[in-house]
Amino acid sequence: MILPIVAYGAPVLKKKAVDIPADYEGFDALLENMWETMYAASGVGLAAPQVGLGLRLFVVDASPFAEDEDLTPEEQAQLKDFKKAFINPVIEEESGEEWAFNEGCLSIPDVREDVKRKEALTISYQNEAGERLTESYSGLAARVIQHEYDHIEGILFTDKLSPLKKRLIKGKLNNISKGKVRVDYKMKFPLQSKKR
């Protein structure tokens, strides 16, 4: 089932998410719905807060980036099959130089900005079988994880912009929260007027 993606301005996007208990009812259906929702919106990642749930869960499928000719063959290979669910994740370490990359977000349609992030990370998480894993990623794989991880920490990519950039996009963000934006996927807008 495709879930509505909550737009910028929804309180759930600014709250730190909580761990998912082992006996969370309907977890398999939630995970399946998140994958379906992400693909329907042509996303490469989706976090539970983006579908209105304050849970420490996100899914990523960065395989579309594997086609990027600017990447090294090693980076392309890492991204080709990079599809995972991260349950109750914890970023253990971020390292390397900060680098800028143009990011967007399904909760903030039509806004793209350069965001600086560290080039590598180590993350521990549970997989779908309930096993606790610790893995390291770099480049675009790390960036996709960092972006989605920020969502479960109550941080949006726009929070990382300079004060000037934030002022320049303020009107766009207000319009998004009011539903004054065109999207080709299901969304829920926190300030949308009910009279339509």
N, C-alpha and C. Protein backbone atom coordinates (compact mmCIF):
# COMPACT_ATOMS: atom_id res chain seq x y z
N MET A 1 0.84 -1.18 0.00
CA MET A 1 0.00 0.00 0.00
C MET A 1 0.90 1.25 0.00
N ILE A 2 0.58 2.15 -0.90
CA ILE A 2 1.35 3.39 -0.97
C ILE A 2 0.84 4.35 0.11
N LEU A 3 1.77 4.79 0.95
CA LEU A 3 1.43 5.70 2.05
C LEU A 3 1.65 7.14 1.62
N PRO A 4 0.91 8.09 2.19
CA PRO A 4 1.19 9.50 1.87
C PRO A 4 2.49 9.94 2.55
N ILE A 5 3.30 10.68 1.84
CA ILE A 5 4.54 11.22 2.39
C ILE A 5 4.21 12.55 3.03
N VAL A 6 4.64 12.74 4.27
CA VAL A 6 4.33 14.00 4.96
C VAL A 6 5.28 15.09 4.50
N ALA A 7 4.72 16.27 4.31
CA ALA A 7 5.47 17.40 3.77
C ALA A 7 6.16 18.20 4.86
N TYR A 8 7.11 19.00 4.41
CA TYR A 8 7.81 19.96 5.25
C TYR A 8 6.81 20.69 6.14
N GLY A 9 7.16 20.85 7.40
CA GLY A 9 6.28 21.54 8.35
C GLY A 9 5.54 20.60 9.28
N ALA A 10 5.50 19.30 8.93
CA ALA A 10 4.85 18.32 9.81
C ALA A 10 5.72 18.11 11.05
N PRO A 11 5.15 18.19 12.25
CA PRO A 11 5.95 18.06 13.48
C PRO A 11 6.77 16.77 13.56
N VAL A 12 6.26 15.66 13.02
CA VAL A 12 6.97 14.38 13.10
C VAL A 12 8.36 14.45 12.43
N LEU A 13 8.52 15.35 11.47
CA LEU A 13 9.80 15.46 10.76
C LEU A 13 10.87 16.14 11.62
N LYS A 14 10.47 16.80 12.70
CA LYS A 14 11.43 17.52 13.54
C LYS A 14 11.66 16.84 14.89
N LYS A 15 11.08 15.65 15.08
CA LYS A 15 11.23 14.93 16.35
C LYS A 15 12.21 13.77 16.19
N LYS A 16 12.98 13.52 17.25
CA LYS A 16 13.88 12.36 17.25
C LYS A 16 13.01 11.10 17.37
N ALA A 17 13.23 10.15 16.47
CA ALA A 17 12.43 8.93 16.45
C ALA A 17 12.85 7.95 17.55
N VAL A 18 11.96 7.02 17.87
CA VAL A 18 12.23 6.03 18.91
C VAL A 18 12.49 4.66 18.29
N ASP A 19 13.20 3.81 19.05
CA ASP A 19 13.49 2.45 18.57
C ASP A 19 12.20 1.67 18.35
N ILE A 20 12.27 0.76 17.40
CA ILE A 20 11.14 -0.12 17.11
C ILE A 20 11.28 -1.35 18.00
N PRO A 21 10.27 -1.65 18.81
CA PRO A 21 10.36 -2.85 19.65
C PRO A 21 10.31 -4.12 18.79
N ALA A 22 10.90 -5.18 19.31
CA ALA A 22 10.96 -6.46 18.56
C ALA A 22 9.57 -6.99 18.23
N ASP A 23 8.58 -6.66 19.08
CA ASP A 23 7.22 -7.19 18.86
C ASP A 23 6.29 -6.17 18.19
N TYR A 24 6.87 -5.23 17.42
CA TYR A 24 6.06 -4.19 16.78
C TYR A 24 5.05 -4.83 15.83
N GLU A 25 3.78 -4.59 16.12
CA GLU A 25 2.72 -5.23 15.32
C GLU A 25 2.65 -4.64 13.92
N GLY A 26 2.60 -5.50 12.93
CA GLY A 26 2.47 -5.06 11.54
C GLY A 26 3.77 -4.57 10.92
N PHE A 27 4.91 -4.97 11.51
CA PHE A 27 6.20 -4.47 11.02
C PHE A 27 6.45 -4.87 9.56
N ASP A 28 6.19 -6.13 9.21
CA ASP A 28 6.45 -6.59 7.84
C ASP A 28 5.63 -5.79 6.83
N ALA A 29 4.38 -5.52 7.17
CA ALA A 29 3.51 -4.73 6.27
C ALA A 29 4.03 -3.31 6.16
N LEU A 30 4.48 -2.73 7.29
CA LEU A 30 5.02 -1.37 7.27
C LEU A 30 6.23 -1.30 6.33
N LEU A 31 7.13 -2.27 6.47
CA LEU A 31 8.33 -2.28 5.64
C LEU A 31 7.97 -2.40 4.16
N GLU A 32 7.06 -3.30 3.86
CA GLU A 32 6.61 -3.48 2.47
C GLU A 32 5.99 -2.18 1.94
N ASN A 33 5.18 -1.52 2.76
CA ASN A 33 4.54 -0.26 2.37
C ASN A 33 5.57 0.84 2.14
N MET A 34 6.62 0.85 2.96
CA MET A 34 7.65 1.88 2.79
C MET A 34 8.41 1.69 1.48
N TRP A 35 8.74 0.45 1.15
CA TRP A 35 9.40 0.19 -0.14
C TRP A 35 8.49 0.65 -1.28
N GLU A 36 7.23 0.24 -1.21
CA GLU A 36 6.27 0.58 -2.28
C GLU A 36 6.11 2.09 -2.41
N THR A 37 6.04 2.78 -1.28
CA THR A 37 5.88 4.24 -1.26
C THR A 37 7.11 4.91 -1.87
N MET A 38 8.31 4.45 -1.48
CA MET A 38 9.55 5.04 -1.98
C MET A 38 9.64 4.89 -3.51
N TYR A 39 9.36 3.68 -4.00
CA TYR A 39 9.44 3.46 -5.45
C TYR A 39 8.38 4.26 -6.20
N ALA A 40 7.17 4.36 -5.64
CA ALA A 40 6.09 5.11 -6.30
C ALA A 40 6.45 6.59 -6.44
N ALA A 41 7.29 7.09 -5.50
CA ALA A 41 7.69 8.49 -5.52
C ALA A 41 9.06 8.69 -6.20
N SER A 42 9.59 7.61 -6.77
CA SER A 42 10.91 7.63 -7.45
C SER A 42 12.02 8.12 -6.52
N GLY A 43 11.96 7.67 -5.26
CA GLY A 43 13.00 8.03 -4.29
C GLY A 43 14.09 6.98 -4.21
N VAL A 44 15.20 7.36 -3.58
CA VAL A 44 16.28 6.40 -3.32
C VAL A 44 16.37 6.09 -1.83
N GLY A 45 15.55 6.75 -1.02
CA GLY A 45 15.51 6.49 0.40
C GLY A 45 14.22 7.02 0.98
N LEU A 46 13.80 6.41 2.09
CA LEU A 46 12.58 6.86 2.76
C LEU A 46 12.69 6.46 4.23
N ALA A 47 12.45 7.42 5.11
CA ALA A 47 12.50 7.16 6.56
C ALA A 47 11.08 7.15 7.12
N ALA A 48 10.89 6.37 8.19
CA ALA A 48 9.55 6.24 8.80
C ALA A 48 8.91 7.60 9.15
N PRO A 49 9.68 8.59 9.66
CA PRO A 49 9.03 9.88 9.93
C PRO A 49 8.39 10.51 8.68
N GLN A 50 8.91 10.17 7.52
CA GLN A 50 8.35 10.74 6.28
C GLN A 50 6.98 10.17 5.94
N VAL A 51 6.62 9.05 6.58
CA VAL A 51 5.27 8.53 6.41
C VAL A 51 4.47 8.70 7.71
N GLY A 52 4.95 9.63 8.55
CA GLY A 52 4.21 10.02 9.74
C GLY A 52 4.47 9.18 10.98
N LEU A 53 5.50 8.32 10.95
CA LEU A 53 5.78 7.45 12.10
C LEU A 53 7.13 7.79 12.72
N GLY A 54 7.14 8.12 13.99
CA GLY A 54 8.37 8.49 14.68
C GLY A 54 9.19 7.28 15.11
N LEU A 55 9.53 6.42 14.14
CA LEU A 55 10.26 5.19 14.41
C LEU A 55 11.64 5.23 13.75
N ARG A 56 12.61 4.55 14.38
CA ARG A 56 13.99 4.51 13.86
C ARG A 56 14.09 3.43 12.77
N LEU A 57 13.63 3.80 11.60
CA LEU A 57 13.61 2.87 10.47
C LEU A 57 13.74 3.67 9.19
N PHE A 58 14.61 3.21 8.29
CA PHE A 58 14.61 3.77 6.94
C PHE A 58 15.02 2.71 5.94
N VAL A 59 14.59 2.92 4.71
CA VAL A 59 14.94 2.01 3.61
C VAL A 59 15.69 2.82 2.56
N VAL A 60 16.64 2.16 1.90
CA VAL A 60 17.38 2.81 0.82
C VAL A 60 17.55 1.85 -0.35
N ASP A 61 17.50 2.40 -1.53
CA ASP A 61 17.87 1.68 -2.75
C ASP A 61 18.60 2.68 -3.62
N ALA A 62 19.93 2.66 -3.51
CA ALA A 62 20.76 3.63 -4.23
C ALA A 62 21.20 3.11 -5.59
N SER A 63 20.62 2.01 -6.04
CA SER A 63 21.04 1.44 -7.33
C SER A 63 20.90 2.40 -8.51
N PRO A 64 19.92 3.35 -8.51
CA PRO A 64 19.87 4.30 -9.64
C PRO A 64 21.16 5.10 -9.80
N PHE A 65 21.89 5.35 -8.71
CA PHE A 65 23.14 6.10 -8.79
C PHE A 65 24.25 5.30 -9.47
N ALA A 66 24.11 3.98 -9.56
CA ALA A 66 25.16 3.13 -10.14
C ALA A 66 25.38 3.45 -11.62
N GLU A 67 24.40 4.12 -12.24
CA GLU A 67 24.51 4.47 -13.67
C GLU A 67 25.36 5.72 -13.89
N ASP A 68 25.70 6.44 -12.81
CA ASP A 68 26.44 7.70 -12.91
C ASP A 68 27.84 7.47 -13.46
N GLU A 69 28.11 8.05 -14.64
CA GLU A 69 29.41 7.85 -15.29
C GLU A 69 30.56 8.55 -14.59
N ASP A 70 30.26 9.51 -13.70
CA ASP A 70 31.32 10.21 -12.98
C ASP A 70 31.90 9.37 -11.84
N LEU A 71 31.25 8.26 -11.53
CA LEU A 71 31.72 7.41 -10.42
C LEU A 71 32.79 6.44 -10.90
N THR A 72 33.63 6.01 -9.96
CA THR A 72 34.63 4.99 -10.27
C THR A 72 33.92 3.65 -10.42
N PRO A 73 34.53 2.68 -11.10
CA PRO A 73 33.91 1.35 -11.21
C PRO A 73 33.61 0.73 -9.83
N GLU A 74 34.48 1.01 -8.83
CA GLU A 74 34.25 0.48 -7.48
C GLU A 74 32.98 1.09 -6.86
N GLU A 75 32.83 2.41 -7.04
CA GLU A 75 31.64 3.09 -6.50
C GLU A 75 30.38 2.58 -7.20
N GLN A 76 30.46 2.41 -8.52
CA GLN A 76 29.31 1.89 -9.26
C GLN A 76 28.93 0.50 -8.76
N ALA A 77 29.95 -0.34 -8.51
CA ALA A 77 29.70 -1.70 -8.04
C ALA A 77 29.05 -1.68 -6.65
N GLN A 78 29.51 -0.76 -5.76
CA GLN A 78 28.95 -0.67 -4.40
C GLN A 78 27.48 -0.27 -4.45
N LEU A 79 27.13 0.59 -5.39
CA LEU A 79 25.76 1.11 -5.45
C LEU A 79 24.80 0.19 -6.22
N LYS A 80 25.35 -0.63 -7.11
CA LYS A 80 24.52 -1.44 -8.01
C LYS A 80 23.47 -2.27 -7.26
N ASP A 81 23.87 -2.90 -6.18
CA ASP A 81 22.95 -3.76 -5.43
C ASP A 81 22.68 -3.21 -4.03
N PHE A 82 22.81 -1.89 -3.87
CA PHE A 82 22.67 -1.31 -2.54
C PHE A 82 21.21 -1.04 -2.21
N LYS A 83 20.55 -2.07 -1.69
CA LYS A 83 19.14 -1.98 -1.29
C LYS A 83 19.02 -2.62 0.08
N LYS A 84 18.64 -1.82 1.10
CA LYS A 84 18.56 -2.35 2.46
C LYS A 84 17.55 -1.59 3.31
N ALA A 85 17.11 -2.29 4.35
CA ALA A 85 16.33 -1.65 5.41
C ALA A 85 17.25 -1.52 6.62
N PHE A 86 17.23 -0.35 7.24
CA PHE A 86 18.03 -0.09 8.44
C PHE A 86 17.05 0.07 9.61
N ILE A 87 17.09 -0.88 10.54
CA ILE A 87 16.17 -0.89 11.67
C ILE A 87 16.96 -0.54 12.93
N ASN A 88 16.47 0.43 13.68
CA ASN A 88 17.13 0.91 14.91
C ASN A 88 18.62 1.18 14.69
N PRO A 89 18.96 1.97 13.65
CA PRO A 89 20.37 2.22 13.34
C PRO A 89 21.02 3.23 14.28
N VAL A 90 22.34 3.10 14.38
CA VAL A 90 23.16 4.06 15.13
C VAL A 90 24.42 4.31 14.30
N ILE A 91 24.65 5.57 13.92
CA ILE A 91 25.91 5.89 13.24
C ILE A 91 26.99 5.93 14.32
N GLU A 92 27.95 5.02 14.19
CA GLU A 92 29.02 4.89 15.19
C GLU A 92 30.12 5.92 14.96
N GLU A 93 30.37 6.23 13.66
CA GLU A 93 31.46 7.15 13.35
C GLU A 93 31.26 7.71 11.94
N GLU A 94 31.63 8.98 11.78
CA GLU A 94 31.71 9.60 10.46
C GLU A 94 33.13 10.09 10.30
N SER A 95 33.68 9.92 9.09
CA SER A 95 35.08 10.29 8.91
C SER A 95 35.32 10.82 7.49
N GLY A 96 36.53 11.32 7.28
CA GLY A 96 36.91 11.83 5.96
C GLY A 96 36.58 13.29 5.79
N GLU A 97 36.91 13.77 4.59
CA GLU A 97 36.65 15.18 4.25
C GLU A 97 35.16 15.40 4.04
N GLU A 98 34.72 16.63 4.31
CA GLU A 98 33.34 16.98 3.95
C GLU A 98 33.30 17.30 2.47
N TRP A 99 32.25 16.86 1.80
CA TRP A 99 32.09 17.16 0.38
C TRP A 99 30.63 17.53 0.11
N ALA A 100 30.47 18.40 -0.87
CA ALA A 100 29.13 18.90 -1.19
C ALA A 100 28.50 18.06 -2.30
N PHE A 101 27.19 17.88 -2.19
CA PHE A 101 26.43 17.15 -3.20
C PHE A 101 25.03 17.73 -3.18
N ASN A 102 24.42 17.81 -4.36
CA ASN A 102 23.09 18.39 -4.49
C ASN A 102 22.05 17.38 -4.00
N GLU A 103 21.35 17.72 -2.93
CA GLU A 103 20.37 16.81 -2.33
C GLU A 103 18.95 17.35 -2.49
N GLY A 104 18.03 16.41 -2.50
CA GLY A 104 16.61 16.72 -2.49
C GLY A 104 15.95 15.80 -1.49
N CYS A 105 14.64 15.93 -1.31
CA CYS A 105 13.93 15.13 -0.32
C CYS A 105 12.47 14.99 -0.74
N LEU A 106 11.93 13.78 -0.59
CA LEU A 106 10.53 13.56 -0.96
C LEU A 106 9.57 14.40 -0.12
N SER A 107 9.97 14.76 1.10
CA SER A 107 9.12 15.59 1.96
C SER A 107 9.24 17.08 1.62
N ILE A 108 10.23 17.42 0.79
CA ILE A 108 10.47 18.82 0.42
C ILE A 108 10.59 18.89 -1.11
N PRO A 109 9.50 18.61 -1.83
CA PRO A 109 9.58 18.56 -3.29
C PRO A 109 9.99 19.90 -3.92
N ASP A 110 10.70 19.81 -5.03
CA ASP A 110 11.11 20.98 -5.82
C ASP A 110 12.15 21.86 -5.14
N VAL A 111 12.78 21.36 -4.08
CA VAL A 111 13.88 22.10 -3.44
C VAL A 111 15.11 21.19 -3.49
N ARG A 112 16.17 21.68 -4.10
CA ARG A 112 17.44 20.94 -4.15
C ARG A 112 18.55 21.92 -3.80
N GLU A 113 19.45 21.50 -2.93
CA GLU A 113 20.56 22.36 -2.52
C GLU A 113 21.80 21.51 -2.25
N ASP A 114 22.96 22.14 -2.36
CA ASP A 114 24.20 21.46 -2.03
C ASP A 114 24.33 21.35 -0.52
N VAL A 115 24.63 20.14 -0.06
CA VAL A 115 24.79 19.87 1.37
C VAL A 115 26.15 19.22 1.57
N LYS A 116 26.89 19.67 2.59
CA LYS A 116 28.20 19.08 2.89
C LYS A 116 28.03 17.98 3.94
N ARG A 117 28.65 16.84 3.65
CA ARG A 117 28.64 15.72 4.59
C ARG A 117 30.01 15.04 4.56
N LYS A 118 30.34 14.33 5.63
CA LYS A 118 31.58 13.56 5.68
C LYS A 118 31.51 12.44 4.64
N GLU A 119 32.68 12.01 4.14
CA GLU A 119 32.66 11.06 3.03
C GLU A 119 32.47 9.60 3.42
N ALA A 120 32.64 9.25 4.71
CA ALA A 120 32.52 7.84 5.11
C ALA A 120 31.84 7.72 6.47
N LEU A 121 31.26 6.54 6.73
CA LEU A 121 30.63 6.30 8.02
C LEU A 121 30.65 4.82 8.35
N THR A 122 30.47 4.57 9.65
CA THR A 122 30.25 3.21 10.14
C THR A 122 28.92 3.24 10.87
N ILE A 123 28.06 2.29 10.55
CA ILE A 123 26.71 2.27 11.12
C ILE A 123 26.41 0.87 11.64
N SER A 124 25.74 0.81 12.79
CA SER A 124 25.23 -0.48 13.27
C SER A 124 23.71 -0.41 13.20
N TYR A 125 23.11 -1.54 12.88
CA TYR A 125 21.65 -1.59 12.70
C TYR A 125 21.19 -3.04 12.75
N GLN A 126 19.88 -3.21 12.83
CA GLN A 126 19.30 -4.55 12.71
C GLN A 126 18.82 -4.71 11.27
N ASN A 127 19.02 -5.91 10.74
CA ASN A 127 18.46 -6.19 9.42
C ASN A 127 17.06 -6.79 9.60
N GLU A 128 16.45 -7.17 8.50
CA GLU A 128 15.08 -7.68 8.56
C GLU A 128 14.97 -8.99 9.31
N ALA A 129 16.09 -9.73 9.42
CA ALA A 129 16.09 -11.00 10.17
C ALA A 129 16.33 -10.76 11.67
N GLY A 130 16.52 -9.50 12.05
CA GLY A 130 16.73 -9.18 13.46
C GLY A 130 18.18 -9.26 13.91
N GLU A 131 19.10 -9.51 12.98
CA GLU A 131 20.53 -9.58 13.33
C GLU A 131 21.08 -8.17 13.45
N ARG A 132 21.98 -7.98 14.43
CA ARG A 132 22.65 -6.67 14.59
C ARG A 132 23.93 -6.71 13.76
N LEU A 133 24.06 -5.76 12.84
CA LEU A 133 25.22 -5.69 11.94
C LEU A 133 25.93 -4.36 12.12
N THR A 134 27.23 -4.34 11.82
CA THR A 134 27.99 -3.09 11.78
C THR A 134 28.70 -3.07 10.43
N GLU A 135 28.46 -2.01 9.67
CA GLU A 135 29.03 -1.92 8.31
C GLU A 135 29.57 -0.52 8.07
N SER A 136 30.50 -0.42 7.12
CA SER A 136 31.07 0.88 6.75
C SER A 136 30.74 1.18 5.29
N TYR A 137 30.47 2.45 5.02
CA TYR A 137 30.13 2.90 3.68
C TYR A 137 30.86 4.21 3.39
N SER A 138 31.03 4.48 2.10
CA SER A 138 31.65 5.75 1.70
C SER A 138 30.94 6.28 0.46
N GLY A 139 31.28 7.51 0.09
CA GLY A 139 30.73 8.11 -1.13
C GLY A 139 29.23 8.28 -1.09
N LEU A 140 28.58 8.01 -2.24
CA LEU A 140 27.12 8.23 -2.33
C LEU A 140 26.33 7.31 -1.43
N ALA A 141 26.82 6.09 -1.22
CA ALA A 141 26.11 5.17 -0.31
C ALA A 141 26.06 5.77 1.09
N ALA A 142 27.20 6.30 1.55
CA ALA A 142 27.24 6.94 2.87
C ALA A 142 26.31 8.14 2.91
N ARG A 143 26.29 8.92 1.84
CA ARG A 143 25.45 10.13 1.80
C ARG A 143 23.97 9.79 1.90
N VAL A 144 23.53 8.77 1.17
CA VAL A 144 22.11 8.39 1.23
C VAL A 144 21.76 7.96 2.66
N ILE A 145 22.65 7.20 3.28
CA ILE A 145 22.42 6.76 4.67
C ILE A 145 22.37 7.98 5.59
N GLN A 146 23.33 8.90 5.45
CA GLN A 146 23.36 10.08 6.31
C GLN A 146 22.08 10.90 6.19
N HIS A 147 21.60 11.07 4.96
CA HIS A 147 20.38 11.84 4.72
C HIS A 147 19.19 11.19 5.43
N GLU A 148 19.05 9.87 5.25
CA GLU A 148 17.91 9.16 5.86
C GLU A 148 18.07 9.10 7.38
N TYR A 149 19.30 8.91 7.85
CA TYR A 149 19.56 8.87 9.29
C TYR A 149 19.18 10.21 9.94
N ASP A 150 19.49 11.30 9.25
CA ASP A 150 19.09 12.61 9.76
C ASP A 150 17.58 12.66 10.02
N HIS A 151 16.80 12.03 9.12
CA HIS A 151 15.34 12.04 9.30
C HIS A 151 14.93 11.43 10.64
N ILE A 152 15.59 10.34 11.05
CA ILE A 152 15.19 9.71 12.32
C ILE A 152 15.75 10.46 13.52
N GLU A 153 16.62 11.43 13.25
CA GLU A 153 17.14 12.31 14.31
C GLU A 153 16.37 13.64 14.35
N GLY A 154 15.36 13.80 13.47
CA GLY A 154 14.58 15.03 13.43
C GLY A 154 15.26 16.16 12.68
N ILE A 155 16.17 15.80 11.77
CA ILE A 155 16.94 16.81 11.01
C ILE A 155 16.60 16.69 9.53
N LEU A 156 16.36 17.83 8.89
CA LEU A 156 16.11 17.86 7.44
C LEU A 156 17.34 18.45 6.76
N PHE A 157 17.52 18.13 5.47
CA PHE A 157 18.70 18.66 4.78
C PHE A 157 18.71 20.18 4.75
N THR A 158 17.54 20.79 4.78
CA THR A 158 17.46 22.26 4.77
C THR A 158 18.01 22.85 6.07
N ASP A 159 18.03 22.05 7.14
CA ASP A 159 18.60 22.52 8.41
C ASP A 159 20.11 22.73 8.31
N LYS A 160 20.73 22.11 7.32
CA LYS A 160 22.19 22.16 7.16
C LYS A 160 22.63 23.30 6.24
N LEU A 161 21.67 24.08 5.75
CA LEU A 161 22.01 25.16 4.82
C LEU A 161 22.42 26.42 5.57
N SER A 162 23.11 27.30 4.87
CA SER A 162 23.54 28.57 5.48
C SER A 162 22.30 29.43 5.75
N PRO A 163 22.41 30.39 6.69
CA PRO A 163 21.27 31.28 6.98
C PRO A 163 20.76 31.99 5.72
N LEU A 164 21.67 32.38 4.82
CA LEU A 164 21.25 33.05 3.59
C LEU A 164 20.43 32.12 2.71
N LYS A 165 20.92 30.88 2.49
CA LYS A 165 20.18 29.91 1.68
C LYS A 165 18.80 29.65 2.28
N LYS A 166 18.75 29.53 3.61
CA LYS A 166 17.46 29.28 4.28
C LYS A 166 16.48 30.41 4.01
N ARG A 167 16.97 31.65 4.06
CA ARG A 167 16.10 32.80 3.78
C ARG A 167 15.60 32.77 2.33
N LEU A 168 16.50 32.39 1.41
CA LEU A 168 16.14 32.37 -0.01
C LEU A 168 15.06 31.34 -0.34
N ILE A 169 15.01 30.24 0.42
CA ILE A 169 14.02 29.20 0.10
C ILE A 169 12.83 29.21 1.05
N LYS A 170 12.80 30.16 1.99
CA LYS A 170 11.73 30.20 3.00
C LYS A 170 10.33 30.20 2.37
N GLY A 171 10.13 31.01 1.35
CA GLY A 171 8.82 31.09 0.69
C GLY A 171 8.42 29.75 0.08
N LYS A 172 9.38 29.09 -0.57
CA LYS A 172 9.11 27.78 -1.17
C LYS A 172 8.70 26.77 -0.10
N LEU A 173 9.42 26.78 1.03
CA LEU A 173 9.13 25.85 2.12
C LEU A 173 7.74 26.10 2.69
N ASN A 174 7.38 27.37 2.86
CA ASN A 174 6.04 27.71 3.36
C ASN A 174 4.96 27.21 2.39
N ASN A 175 5.21 27.38 1.09
CA ASN A 175 4.25 26.90 0.09
C ASN A 175 4.12 25.38 0.13
N ILE A 176 5.23 24.69 0.33
CA ILE A 176 5.18 23.22 0.40
C ILE A 176 4.29 22.79 1.58
N SER A 177 4.49 23.40 2.75
CA SER A 177 3.70 22.99 3.91
C SER A 177 2.21 23.30 3.73
N LYS A 178 1.88 24.27 2.85
CA LYS A 178 0.48 24.60 2.57
C LYS A 178 -0.09 23.79 1.41
N GLY A 179 0.76 22.94 0.79
CA GLY A 179 0.28 22.13 -0.33
C GLY A 179 0.31 22.87 -1.65
N LYS A 180 1.00 24.02 -1.70
CA LYS A 180 1.09 24.78 -2.95
C LYS A 180 2.31 24.34 -3.73
N VAL A 181 2.30 23.07 -4.14
CA VAL A 181 3.40 22.48 -4.90
C VAL A 181 2.82 21.32 -5.71
N ARG A 182 3.39 21.10 -6.88
CA ARG A 182 2.92 19.99 -7.72
C ARG A 182 3.80 18.77 -7.47
N VAL A 183 3.16 17.67 -7.12
CA VAL A 183 3.89 16.41 -6.95
C VAL A 183 3.11 15.31 -7.65
N ASP A 184 3.85 14.28 -8.08
CA ASP A 184 3.17 13.18 -8.75
C ASP A 184 3.13 11.94 -7.85
N TYR A 185 3.16 12.18 -6.54
CA TYR A 185 2.98 11.10 -5.57
C TYR A 185 2.11 11.61 -4.43
N LYS A 186 1.60 10.67 -3.65
CA LYS A 186 0.67 10.96 -2.57
C LYS A 186 1.39 11.70 -1.44
N MET A 187 0.84 12.87 -1.03
CA MET A 187 1.44 13.63 0.06
C MET A 187 0.38 14.12 1.03
N LYS A 188 0.82 14.42 2.25
CA LYS A 188 -0.02 15.01 3.29
C LYS A 188 0.65 16.31 3.69
N PHE A 189 -0.08 17.42 3.58
CA PHE A 189 0.48 18.75 3.84
C PHE A 189 -0.04 19.28 5.17
N PRO A 190 0.85 19.65 6.11
CA PRO A 190 0.41 20.03 7.45
C PRO A 190 -0.44 21.30 7.51
N LEU A 191 -0.21 22.25 6.60
CA LEU A 191 -0.96 23.51 6.67
C LEU A 191 -1.92 23.71 5.53
N GLN A 192 -2.25 22.63 4.85
CA GLN A 192 -3.16 22.76 3.70
C GLN A 192 -4.56 23.10 4.19
N SER A 193 -5.12 24.11 3.54
CA SER A 193 -6.47 24.52 3.93
C SER A 193 -7.45 23.44 3.51
N LYS A 194 -8.40 23.15 4.37
CA LYS A 194 -9.38 22.07 4.13
C LYS A 194 -10.43 22.49 3.10
N LYS A 195 -10.61 23.79 2.89
CA LYS A 195 -11.64 24.25 1.96
C LYS A 195 -11.07 24.26 0.53
N ARG A 196 -11.39 23.23 -0.22
CA ARG A 196 -10.92 23.18 -1.61
C ARG A 196 -11.98 22.65 -2.51
